Amino acid sequence: MMQQKLVLRPPLSEKRKREITEKIVDFIALDMRPINVVCGDGFKEMFEFLEPGYTIPKRDTIMHGLTSKFNTTKEILVKKIQSCTAVSFTTDTWTSIKSEGYMTVTAHFMSEDWQLHSFVLETKVLEESHTAANIKERLSEVMDEFKIPAEKRVAVVHDNAANMVWCTELISNDPSWGNAKGVRCAGHTLQLCINAALKTDPICRCIAAARRLVGHFKKSTKATTALTHKQKQQNVAEHKLIQDVSTRWNSTYFMLERLLEQRWPVTAVLSDPEITKRSERGLDLTTAHWLTAEDTVAVLKPMITLTELLSQDLNASLSATLPMLINMKRRHLVLRNEDSPTTKALKTKLAKEIDTRWQLTENIATSIYIQAAVLDPRFKSLSFFDQHEREDAYSTVSDLAESLSTEAAPESDHDSISPAEEGEPEPKKEKQAEISMLMAIDEEEHAEEKDELKMYLADKTKVDLGPLAW
């Protein structure tokens, strides 16, 4: 019988111990783990197996490492902000499952090589009441903590809550905030528009019936197993049904879309007496419900693409907001003879909500959205405006340009290589129909402005990747 040799591992060096401790700190910081995870028996047993001879550091040691890492990262971020020209912010207040109020502030800025960066500056408990004045005070404290001067603060993006709207009104009237403006979150505003449309009859009744139907399959293991069997029999994709969340309109869209995909396997399960009780067979949607679901999904589909385009973290989306909404109204929400009554009602309600919440029926030529659109090569011709509105928009941008510092900028190479020649990736072809409809990139030219704006409007460089790429 062979004797097993006992292999002794050399003791860990101090350097190796420090490396392990740093990795534990990184694990807790990057994975957002609670600090007391190091006190758990399972964590200790794992390291006894992985690194015999290593003693798990105390909670205070981990806390010290996290604080040091935070301070180092903060110093790097402060330097990045100091080197940029302007900073925009997004902020939101929210409540945890323990009913604790929190506030998060995120900074967005461009580096010298025209790359967009986003960093969370703070997520802290907001113990005081969530009034506009208190939120503004907390925002000002964050600005001071990260040494962001008034002249660099350009915009605060927020939701449509009354306290946030009033907070940005206070900011716009405060000299310590320079010329910072409040901008309502396009995603949240679109959510309100679509929610209002989904509450209309018969769409709301269709959604309620769909929720009950999906809820039945979520609660019944027998029904779910039978659904998988029916999917195989009918050669339908083996996808699970989706339960929507009332606070996310797109989840309602996905719920209806998945139900339409699984209509016949679902109906087969509900009509099988060996699987479904007689009292539960009425859960199947009526023919009218299925038709309403089809109409709703068809109208909302481009809205999914619109939301995705507006929600991209590393894309300058302000300039595309109004052009895409206007194109959405003119190309997708226009009423057609072949539209069903439900489709017409849904399109009409959506168009009305968009007009109201973005004030599209008023003079918007001088709005911050249109200023941004003028500065985006894809939309600079403002083809959705008449001549008078275009002139107002161009005049506003010219006045803003004149108000900027007259300090000469470094000369640039006008014969630079185009993005295509540099090997930049082309935009994804998926959803191209919806994207083309939404973007409707301008091709007209209007070159009767002041010299710099005139040169810019006359420039024919084709850029599909956004203003920063241009």
Protein backbone atom coordinates (compact mmCIF):
# COMPACT_ATOMS: atom_id res chain seq x y z
CA MET A 1 0.00 0.00 0.00
CA MET A 2 1.46 3.33 -1.09
CA GLN A 3 1.87 5.98 1.55
CA GLN A 4 0.57 9.43 0.67
CA LYS A 5 3.23 12.12 0.99
CA LEU A 6 2.39 15.20 2.98
CA VAL A 7 3.34 18.34 1.06
CA LEU A 8 3.93 21.41 3.23
CA ARG A 9 3.19 24.76 1.63
CA PRO A 10 5.62 27.57 2.38
CA PRO A 11 4.25 30.32 4.64
CA LEU A 12 2.68 33.29 2.90
CA SER A 13 4.93 36.30 2.45
CA GLU A 14 3.80 39.71 3.66
CA LYS A 15 3.59 40.87 0.05
CA ARG A 16 1.25 37.99 -0.82
CA LYS A 17 -0.92 38.76 2.22
CA ARG A 18 -1.24 42.40 1.11
CA GLU A 19 -2.18 41.30 -2.40
CA ILE A 20 -4.93 39.02 -1.08
CA THR A 21 -6.26 41.77 1.18
CA GLU A 22 -6.36 44.20 -1.75
CA LYS A 23 -8.29 41.64 -3.81
CA ILE A 24 -10.83 41.25 -0.99
CA VAL A 25 -11.25 45.04 -0.87
CA ASP A 26 -11.73 45.14 -4.66
CA PHE A 27 -14.26 42.31 -4.44
CA ILE A 28 -16.34 44.17 -1.86
CA ALA A 29 -16.02 47.53 -3.64
CA LEU A 30 -16.68 46.43 -7.22
CA ASP A 31 -19.40 43.87 -6.41
CA MET A 32 -21.07 46.18 -3.86
CA ARG A 33 -20.91 43.52 -1.14
CA PRO A 34 -21.59 44.33 2.52
CA ILE A 35 -18.40 44.74 4.56
CA ASN A 36 -19.48 42.14 7.12
CA VAL A 37 -19.19 39.44 4.44
CA VAL A 38 -15.64 38.88 5.73
CA CYS A 39 -17.09 37.80 9.07
CA GLY A 40 -19.16 34.96 7.60
CA ASP A 41 -18.19 31.35 8.27
CA GLY A 42 -18.48 30.45 4.60
CA PHE A 43 -16.06 33.20 3.56
CA LYS A 44 -13.54 32.05 6.16
CA GLU A 45 -13.84 28.38 5.14
CA MET A 46 -13.30 29.32 1.50
CA PHE A 47 -10.02 31.07 2.29
CA GLU A 48 -8.86 28.24 4.56
CA PHE A 49 -9.10 26.05 1.47
CA LEU A 50 -7.74 28.57 -1.09
CA GLU A 51 -5.02 30.21 0.98
CA PRO A 52 -4.08 28.17 4.05
CA GLY A 53 -2.17 30.33 6.48
CA TYR A 54 -3.96 33.54 5.50
CA THR A 55 -5.96 35.21 8.27
CA ILE A 56 -9.06 37.07 7.20
CA PRO A 57 -8.58 40.74 8.13
CA LYS A 58 -10.90 42.42 10.59
CA ARG A 59 -13.77 44.61 9.50
CA ASP A 60 -11.84 47.78 10.42
CA THR A 61 -8.97 46.76 8.14
CA ILE A 62 -11.32 46.24 5.20
CA MET A 63 -13.03 49.56 5.97
CA HIS A 64 -9.66 51.32 5.96
CA GLY A 65 -8.81 49.73 2.59
CA LEU A 66 -12.16 50.81 1.12
CA THR A 67 -11.71 54.37 2.37
CA SER A 68 -8.23 54.55 0.89
CA LYS A 69 -9.49 53.20 -2.44
CA PHE A 70 -12.37 55.69 -2.43
CA ASN A 71 -10.08 58.66 -1.76
CA THR A 72 -7.65 57.62 -4.51
CA THR A 73 -10.46 57.15 -7.03
CA LYS A 74 -12.02 60.45 -6.02
CA GLU A 75 -8.74 62.32 -6.55
CA ILE A 76 -8.45 60.86 -10.06
CA LEU A 77 -12.04 61.86 -10.84
CA VAL A 78 -11.56 65.41 -9.53
CA LYS A 79 -8.57 65.81 -11.86
CA LYS A 80 -10.61 64.53 -14.82
CA ILE A 81 -13.37 67.03 -14.07
CA GLN A 82 -10.87 69.88 -13.69
CA SER A 83 -9.50 69.15 -17.16
CA CYS A 84 -12.91 69.24 -18.90
CA THR A 85 -14.80 72.30 -20.12
CA ALA A 86 -18.34 71.57 -18.92
CA VAL A 87 -20.22 69.06 -16.78
CA SER A 88 -23.84 67.96 -16.84
CA PHE A 89 -25.54 66.01 -14.08
CA THR A 90 -28.36 63.56 -13.58
CA THR A 91 -29.93 63.20 -10.17
CA ASP A 92 -32.74 61.24 -8.60
CA THR A 93 -34.15 60.59 -5.15
CA TRP A 94 -35.41 57.13 -4.32
CA THR A 95 -36.47 54.98 -1.38
CA SER A 96 -34.93 51.65 -0.39
CA ILE A 97 -36.89 48.58 0.69
CA LYS A 98 -36.17 49.70 4.26
CA SER A 99 -37.92 53.03 3.55
CA GLU A 100 -34.66 54.96 3.65
CA GLY A 101 -34.46 57.96 1.33
CA TYR A 102 -31.42 58.16 -0.96
CA MET A 103 -30.14 60.59 -3.54
CA THR A 104 -27.76 59.76 -6.40
CA VAL A 105 -25.79 62.28 -8.45
CA THR A 106 -24.02 61.34 -11.69
CA ALA A 107 -21.64 63.57 -13.67
CA HIS A 108 -21.33 63.51 -17.47
CA PHE A 109 -18.56 65.26 -19.39
CA MET A 110 -16.41 65.03 -22.49
CA SER A 111 -12.69 64.42 -22.42
CA GLU A 112 -10.23 66.24 -24.65
CA ASP A 113 -10.51 63.47 -27.26
CA TRP A 114 -14.29 63.97 -27.47
CA GLN A 115 -15.22 60.83 -25.55
CA LEU A 116 -18.25 61.00 -23.28
CA HIS A 117 -17.71 59.85 -19.68
CA SER A 118 -20.15 59.23 -16.84
CA PHE A 119 -19.30 58.81 -13.16
CA VAL A 120 -21.50 58.45 -10.09
CA LEU A 121 -20.36 61.17 -7.71
CA GLU A 122 -22.52 60.25 -4.76
CA THR A 123 -25.23 57.95 -3.45
CA LYS A 124 -26.10 58.94 0.10
CA VAL A 125 -28.97 58.80 2.54
CA LEU A 126 -31.15 61.89 2.31
CA GLU A 127 -32.45 62.06 5.86
CA GLU A 128 -34.19 65.41 5.55
CA SER A 129 -37.46 65.92 3.70
CA HIS A 130 -37.18 65.64 -0.09
CA THR A 131 -38.07 69.27 -0.70
CA ALA A 132 -36.71 71.26 -3.64
CA ALA A 133 -34.59 73.42 -1.31
CA ASN A 134 -33.04 70.41 0.46
CA ILE A 135 -32.25 68.65 -2.82
CA LYS A 136 -30.65 71.81 -4.19
CA GLU A 137 -28.56 72.17 -1.04
CA ARG A 138 -27.34 68.57 -1.32
CA LEU A 139 -26.47 69.10 -5.00
CA SER A 140 -24.50 72.23 -4.11
CA GLU A 141 -22.58 70.27 -1.46
CA VAL A 142 -21.63 67.66 -4.08
CA MET A 143 -20.47 70.40 -6.46
CA ASP A 144 -18.25 71.89 -3.76
CA GLU A 145 -16.92 68.51 -2.67
CA PHE A 146 -15.77 67.72 -6.22
CA LYS A 147 -14.57 71.28 -6.85
CA ILE A 148 -16.86 71.91 -9.82
CA PRO A 149 -17.04 75.69 -10.42
CA ALA A 150 -20.24 77.48 -11.45
CA GLU A 151 -19.07 78.12 -15.01
CA LYS A 152 -18.72 74.38 -15.67
CA ARG A 153 -22.21 73.45 -14.48
CA VAL A 154 -24.43 73.40 -17.56
CA ALA A 155 -27.43 71.14 -16.95
CA VAL A 156 -29.21 68.99 -14.37
CA VAL A 157 -31.31 66.14 -15.80
CA HIS A 158 -34.19 65.05 -13.58
CA ASP A 159 -37.55 63.29 -13.62
CA ASN A 160 -40.95 65.00 -13.74
CA ALA A 161 -41.57 65.02 -9.98
CA ALA A 162 -42.73 68.44 -8.76
CA ASN A 163 -39.91 68.75 -6.21
CA MET A 164 -37.24 68.04 -8.84
CA VAL A 165 -38.76 70.51 -11.30
CA TRP A 166 -38.87 73.23 -8.65
CA CYS A 167 -35.32 72.35 -7.53
CA THR A 168 -33.95 73.11 -10.99
CA GLU A 169 -35.96 76.34 -11.06
CA LEU A 170 -34.13 77.37 -7.90
CA ILE A 171 -30.82 76.35 -9.47
CA SER A 172 -31.42 78.41 -12.63
CA ASN A 173 -31.98 81.49 -10.45
CA ASP A 174 -28.91 80.92 -8.27
CA PRO A 175 -25.74 82.77 -9.43
CA SER A 176 -23.57 80.13 -7.76
CA TRP A 177 -24.83 77.68 -10.37
CA GLY A 178 -23.89 79.87 -13.31
CA ASN A 179 -26.14 79.27 -16.33
CA ALA A 180 -27.12 75.71 -15.42
CA LYS A 181 -30.49 74.59 -16.78
CA GLY A 182 -32.92 71.90 -15.73
CA VAL A 183 -33.70 69.24 -18.35
CA ARG A 184 -36.48 66.74 -17.83
CA CYS A 185 -35.47 63.13 -18.44
CA ALA A 186 -36.72 62.16 -21.90
CA GLY A 187 -37.11 58.51 -20.88
CA HIS A 188 -39.29 59.37 -17.90
CA THR A 189 -41.37 61.83 -19.91
CA LEU A 190 -41.91 59.22 -22.62
CA GLN A 191 -42.91 56.75 -19.90
CA LEU A 192 -45.63 59.17 -18.75
CA CYS A 193 -46.87 59.62 -22.33
CA ILE A 194 -47.15 55.88 -22.94
CA ASN A 195 -48.65 55.14 -19.51
CA ALA A 196 -51.43 57.63 -20.24
CA ALA A 197 -52.13 55.87 -23.55
CA LEU A 198 -52.11 52.39 -21.96
CA LYS A 199 -54.76 53.48 -19.45
CA THR A 200 -57.33 54.11 -22.18
CA ASP A 201 -60.09 51.62 -22.93
CA PRO A 202 -59.98 48.89 -24.33
CA ILE A 203 -56.19 48.70 -23.95
CA CYS A 204 -56.27 48.79 -20.14
CA ARG A 205 -58.78 45.90 -20.04
CA CYS A 206 -56.63 43.88 -22.44
CA ILE A 207 -53.53 44.45 -20.27
CA ALA A 208 -55.41 43.48 -17.09
CA ALA A 209 -56.57 40.24 -18.72
CA ALA A 210 -53.04 39.52 -19.96
CA ARG A 211 -51.65 39.99 -16.44
CA ARG A 212 -54.15 37.51 -15.01
CA LEU A 213 -53.31 35.01 -17.72
CA VAL A 214 -49.53 35.28 -17.24
CA GLY A 215 -50.00 35.19 -13.46
CA HIS A 216 -51.80 31.84 -13.78
CA PHE A 217 -48.83 30.28 -15.61
CA LYS A 218 -46.35 31.82 -13.16
CA LYS A 219 -48.16 30.25 -10.20
CA SER A 220 -48.90 26.84 -11.76
CA THR A 221 -45.97 24.49 -12.29
CA LYS A 222 -48.31 22.08 -14.04
CA ALA A 223 -49.42 24.73 -16.54
CA THR A 224 -45.83 25.84 -17.18
CA THR A 225 -44.67 22.27 -17.83
CA ALA A 226 -47.63 21.71 -20.15
CA LEU A 227 -46.81 24.93 -22.01
CA THR A 228 -43.30 23.66 -22.74
CA HIS A 229 -44.79 20.42 -24.08
CA LYS A 230 -47.25 22.28 -26.32
CA GLN A 231 -44.45 24.54 -27.60
CA LYS A 232 -42.53 21.47 -28.76
CA GLN A 233 -45.62 19.95 -30.34
CA GLN A 234 -46.43 23.13 -32.28
CA ASN A 235 -42.80 23.97 -33.09
CA VAL A 236 -43.01 27.32 -31.28
CA ALA A 237 -40.02 28.95 -29.59
CA GLU A 238 -39.66 27.63 -26.04
CA HIS A 239 -39.87 30.99 -24.33
CA LYS A 240 -41.33 31.68 -20.91
CA LEU A 241 -44.18 34.12 -20.49
CA ILE A 242 -43.25 37.57 -19.16
CA GLN A 243 -44.99 39.27 -16.23
CA ASP A 244 -44.98 43.04 -16.55
CA VAL A 245 -44.10 45.62 -13.91
CA SER A 246 -46.52 48.53 -13.61
CA THR A 247 -43.73 51.11 -13.35
CA ARG A 248 -42.05 50.05 -16.61
CA TRP A 249 -44.15 50.44 -19.75
CA ASN A 250 -41.70 48.44 -21.85
CA SER A 251 -42.30 45.39 -19.64
CA THR A 252 -45.99 45.63 -20.59
CA TYR A 253 -44.98 45.71 -24.24
CA PHE A 254 -42.77 42.64 -23.81
CA MET A 255 -45.55 40.81 -21.94
CA LEU A 256 -48.00 41.37 -24.79
CA GLU A 257 -45.41 40.59 -27.45
CA ARG A 258 -44.51 37.28 -25.79
CA LEU A 259 -48.17 36.35 -25.35
CA LEU A 260 -48.79 36.93 -29.06
CA GLU A 261 -45.81 34.70 -29.85
CA GLN A 262 -47.14 31.98 -27.55
CA ARG A 263 -50.84 32.43 -28.32
CA TRP A 264 -51.62 28.97 -29.64
CA PRO A 265 -49.59 26.93 -27.11
CA VAL A 266 -51.20 29.01 -24.32
CA THR A 267 -54.68 28.46 -25.75
CA ALA A 268 -53.96 24.73 -26.11
CA VAL A 269 -52.98 24.44 -22.44
CA LEU A 270 -56.02 26.38 -21.22
CA SER A 271 -58.42 24.33 -23.36
CA ASP A 272 -57.02 20.95 -22.23
CA PRO A 273 -59.34 19.60 -19.47
CA GLU A 274 -56.57 17.33 -18.15
CA ILE A 275 -54.40 20.34 -17.41
CA THR A 276 -56.69 23.29 -16.72
CA LYS A 277 -59.73 23.33 -14.44
CA ARG A 278 -63.00 24.43 -15.98
CA SER A 279 -63.08 27.52 -13.75
CA GLU A 280 -59.68 28.61 -15.10
CA ARG A 281 -60.37 28.19 -18.82
CA GLY A 282 -61.90 31.65 -18.95
CA LEU A 283 -58.43 33.10 -18.35
CA ASP A 284 -57.68 32.86 -22.06
CA LEU A 285 -57.90 36.20 -23.84
CA THR A 286 -60.92 36.89 -26.00
CA THR A 287 -60.58 37.49 -29.72
CA ALA A 288 -61.04 41.21 -29.07
CA HIS A 289 -58.23 41.11 -26.49
CA TRP A 290 -55.85 39.37 -28.90
CA LEU A 291 -56.62 41.95 -31.62
CA THR A 292 -56.07 44.80 -29.14
CA ALA A 293 -52.75 43.26 -28.09
CA GLU A 294 -51.67 43.09 -31.74
CA ASP A 295 -52.57 46.73 -32.32
CA THR A 296 -50.82 47.87 -29.13
CA VAL A 297 -47.60 46.01 -29.89
CA ALA A 298 -47.53 47.35 -33.45
CA VAL A 299 -47.85 50.97 -32.32
CA LEU A 300 -45.42 50.68 -29.40
CA LYS A 301 -42.66 48.77 -31.21
CA PRO A 302 -40.80 51.88 -32.49
CA MET A 303 -41.15 53.34 -28.98
CA ILE A 304 -38.89 50.55 -27.74
CA THR A 305 -36.21 51.60 -30.24
CA LEU A 306 -36.72 55.26 -29.32
CA THR A 307 -36.28 54.49 -25.61
CA GLU A 308 -33.11 52.49 -26.28
CA LEU A 309 -31.61 55.31 -28.36
CA LEU A 310 -32.40 57.90 -25.68
CA SER A 311 -31.08 55.68 -22.88
CA GLN A 312 -27.58 55.01 -24.19
CA ASP A 313 -25.09 56.08 -21.51
CA LEU A 314 -22.29 56.99 -23.89
CA ASN A 315 -24.32 58.81 -26.51
CA ALA A 316 -25.24 62.50 -26.68
CA SER A 317 -29.01 62.10 -27.00
CA LEU A 318 -30.39 65.58 -26.23
CA SER A 319 -29.94 66.72 -29.83
CA ALA A 320 -31.90 63.74 -31.17
CA THR A 321 -34.85 63.97 -28.78
CA LEU A 322 -37.16 66.41 -30.56
CA PRO A 323 -36.20 65.39 -34.12
CA MET A 324 -36.99 61.77 -33.27
CA LEU A 325 -40.26 62.66 -31.55
CA ILE A 326 -41.38 64.86 -34.43
CA ASN A 327 -40.46 62.17 -36.96
CA MET A 328 -42.29 59.63 -34.79
CA LYS A 329 -45.44 61.75 -34.99
CA ARG A 330 -45.18 62.47 -38.71
CA ARG A 331 -44.22 59.02 -39.91
CA HIS A 332 -45.50 56.47 -37.40
CA LEU A 333 -48.32 58.09 -35.42
CA VAL A 334 -50.09 59.53 -38.45
CA LEU A 335 -53.60 58.09 -38.84
CA ARG A 336 -54.18 55.77 -41.80
CA ASN A 337 -57.38 54.48 -43.39
CA GLU A 338 -56.48 50.86 -42.67
CA ASP A 339 -55.92 51.50 -38.95
CA SER A 340 -58.30 49.82 -36.53
CA PRO A 341 -60.27 51.99 -34.07
CA THR A 342 -57.90 50.89 -31.28
CA THR A 343 -54.83 51.83 -33.32
CA LYS A 344 -56.28 55.23 -34.18
CA ALA A 345 -57.18 55.94 -30.56
CA LEU A 346 -53.72 54.86 -29.35
CA LYS A 347 -51.91 56.95 -31.97
CA THR A 348 -54.07 59.99 -31.23
CA LYS A 349 -53.50 59.74 -27.47
CA LEU A 350 -49.74 59.28 -27.85
CA ALA A 351 -49.43 62.23 -30.25
CA LYS A 352 -51.45 64.43 -27.89
CA GLU A 353 -49.35 63.45 -24.86
CA ILE A 354 -46.08 64.07 -26.74
CA ASP A 355 -47.34 67.50 -27.89
CA THR A 356 -48.35 68.44 -24.36
CA ARG A 357 -45.35 67.19 -22.40
CA TRP A 358 -42.75 68.50 -24.89
CA GLN A 359 -44.81 71.60 -25.77
CA LEU A 360 -44.49 70.87 -29.48
CA THR A 361 -47.48 73.05 -30.35
CA GLU A 362 -45.65 76.13 -29.00
CA ASN A 363 -42.63 77.99 -30.36
CA ILE A 364 -39.78 75.60 -29.62
CA ALA A 365 -37.20 77.13 -31.97
CA THR A 366 -35.22 78.55 -29.03
CA SER A 367 -35.52 75.52 -26.71
CA ILE A 368 -32.41 73.73 -25.46
CA TYR A 369 -33.47 70.65 -27.46
CA ILE A 370 -33.40 72.60 -30.72
CA GLN A 371 -30.13 74.32 -29.81
CA ALA A 372 -28.63 70.86 -29.41
CA ALA A 373 -30.18 69.69 -32.69
CA VAL A 374 -28.56 72.59 -34.56
CA LEU A 375 -25.19 71.50 -33.17
CA ASP A 376 -25.71 67.92 -34.33
CA PRO A 377 -24.64 67.42 -37.98
CA ARG A 378 -27.40 64.85 -38.44
CA PHE A 379 -30.19 67.34 -37.72
CA LYS A 380 -28.62 70.77 -38.31
CA SER A 381 -30.81 71.57 -41.34
CA LEU A 382 -33.93 71.33 -39.14
CA SER A 383 -35.97 69.99 -42.04
CA PHE A 384 -39.00 69.63 -39.75
CA PHE A 385 -39.14 73.45 -39.32
CA ASP A 386 -40.32 76.18 -41.65
CA GLN A 387 -37.90 78.92 -42.77
CA HIS A 388 -38.89 81.35 -40.01
CA GLU A 389 -38.41 78.76 -37.25
CA ARG A 390 -35.05 77.74 -38.69
CA GLU A 391 -33.85 81.34 -38.69
CA ASP A 392 -34.89 81.75 -35.04
CA ALA A 393 -33.02 78.57 -34.09
CA TYR A 394 -29.85 79.56 -35.97
CA SER A 395 -29.95 83.07 -34.53
CA THR A 396 -30.18 81.65 -31.00
CA VAL A 397 -27.15 79.42 -31.55
CA SER A 398 -25.18 82.31 -33.10
CA ASP A 399 -25.91 84.48 -30.06
CA LEU A 400 -24.79 81.69 -27.74
CA ALA A 401 -21.58 81.25 -29.72
CA GLU A 402 -20.81 84.98 -29.48
CA SER A 403 -21.29 84.88 -25.73
CA LEU A 404 -18.56 82.26 -25.36
CA SER A 405 -14.94 83.09 -24.74
CA THR A 406 -13.22 84.60 -27.77
CA GLU A 407 -10.03 82.77 -26.91
CA ALA A 408 -8.66 81.26 -30.12
CA ALA A 409 -9.00 77.51 -30.44
CA PRO A 410 -6.10 75.42 -31.80
CA GLU A 411 -6.13 74.92 -35.52
CA SER A 412 -7.58 71.66 -36.73
CA ASP A 413 -6.84 69.56 -39.73
CA HIS A 414 -9.79 70.04 -42.11
CA ASP A 415 -8.53 67.16 -44.24
CA SER A 416 -8.79 64.67 -41.39
CA ILE A 417 -9.59 61.06 -42.08
CA SER A 418 -13.27 60.21 -42.07
CA PRO A 419 -14.65 57.81 -39.43
CA ALA A 420 -15.10 55.12 -42.08
CA GLU A 421 -11.43 55.39 -43.10
CA GLU A 422 -10.35 55.13 -39.47
CA GLY A 423 -12.08 51.80 -39.23
CA GLU A 424 -14.87 52.82 -36.87
CA PRO A 425 -17.68 50.27 -36.69
CA GLU A 426 -20.80 50.91 -38.71
CA PRO A 427 -24.11 51.23 -36.83
CA LYS A 428 -25.86 47.94 -36.17
CA LYS A 429 -28.30 46.96 -38.88
CA GLU A 430 -30.86 45.53 -36.47
CA LYS A 431 -33.98 47.65 -36.02
CA GLN A 432 -32.73 49.73 -38.93
CA ALA A 433 -36.24 50.47 -40.16
CA GLU A 434 -37.31 51.97 -36.82
CA ILE A 435 -34.00 53.82 -36.38
CA SER A 436 -34.18 55.30 -39.90
CA MET A 437 -37.73 56.44 -39.26
CA LEU A 438 -36.80 58.02 -35.93
CA MET A 439 -33.56 59.68 -36.97
CA ALA A 440 -34.61 60.95 -40.44
CA ILE A 441 -31.17 62.50 -40.80
CA ASP A 442 -31.26 65.88 -42.55
CA GLU A 443 -29.72 66.39 -45.94
CA GLU A 444 -30.67 70.02 -46.64
CA GLU A 445 -28.32 72.96 -46.28
CA HIS A 446 -28.94 76.51 -45.03
CA ALA A 447 -25.83 78.65 -45.34
CA GLU A 448 -26.97 82.23 -44.78
CA GLU A 449 -25.64 82.65 -41.25
CA LYS A 450 -22.57 84.15 -39.64
CA ASP A 451 -19.23 82.83 -40.80
CA GLU A 452 -18.66 79.97 -38.36
CA LEU A 453 -22.25 78.79 -38.36
CA LYS A 454 -22.32 79.23 -42.17
CA MET A 455 -19.25 77.00 -42.55
CA TYR A 456 -20.73 74.44 -40.19
CA LEU A 457 -24.08 74.30 -41.99
CA ALA A 458 -22.32 73.97 -45.35
CA ASP A 459 -20.13 71.11 -44.16
CA LYS A 460 -21.12 67.88 -45.93
CA THR A 461 -19.28 65.41 -43.72
CA LYS A 462 -21.51 62.37 -43.27
CA VAL A 463 -21.56 61.10 -39.69
CA ASP A 464 -23.98 58.43 -38.50
CA LEU A 465 -22.42 57.95 -35.08
CA GLY A 466 -23.44 61.25 -33.51
CA PRO A 467 -22.10 64.76 -32.96
CA LEU A 468 -19.06 63.70 -30.93
CA ALA A 469 -17.78 61.55 -33.81
CA TRP A 470 -18.15 64.57 -36.14
